[in-house]
Amino acid sequence: MSMIAPGTYLVGILQRAIQPETGDLSPDQARAWLAVRFSAADLDRVDALCAKSRTGTLFAEEKQELEEYLEADALVGFLQSKARQSLKLAGLDR
């Protein structure tokens, strides 16, 4: 997905809390986070919501749903960034 919603409070808070630029995960933890993927059904739903958003036909509930998907994507992205940095610092980058 990788469509981080810039400017949201939650995303900024998560970024500061997770500190993706630090590499302090164990190799096993890092690999586990790198294996996290959104399901095909979730990706399809995001595509549908984005299409509706582009055409201006997104309902308020759908807008909230899309925002939550973007926040979840940001969280996973920050953790995966931290995981890649952890493996790099350990000399184990893939």
Foldseek 3Di string as FASTA:
>chain_A
DPDADPPDPLLVVLCVVLVLLAQDDDLVQLVVLVPDDDDPVVVVLLVVLVVCVVVVNHDPVSVVVNNVVNSVSSNSVSSNSNSQNNCVVVVNHD
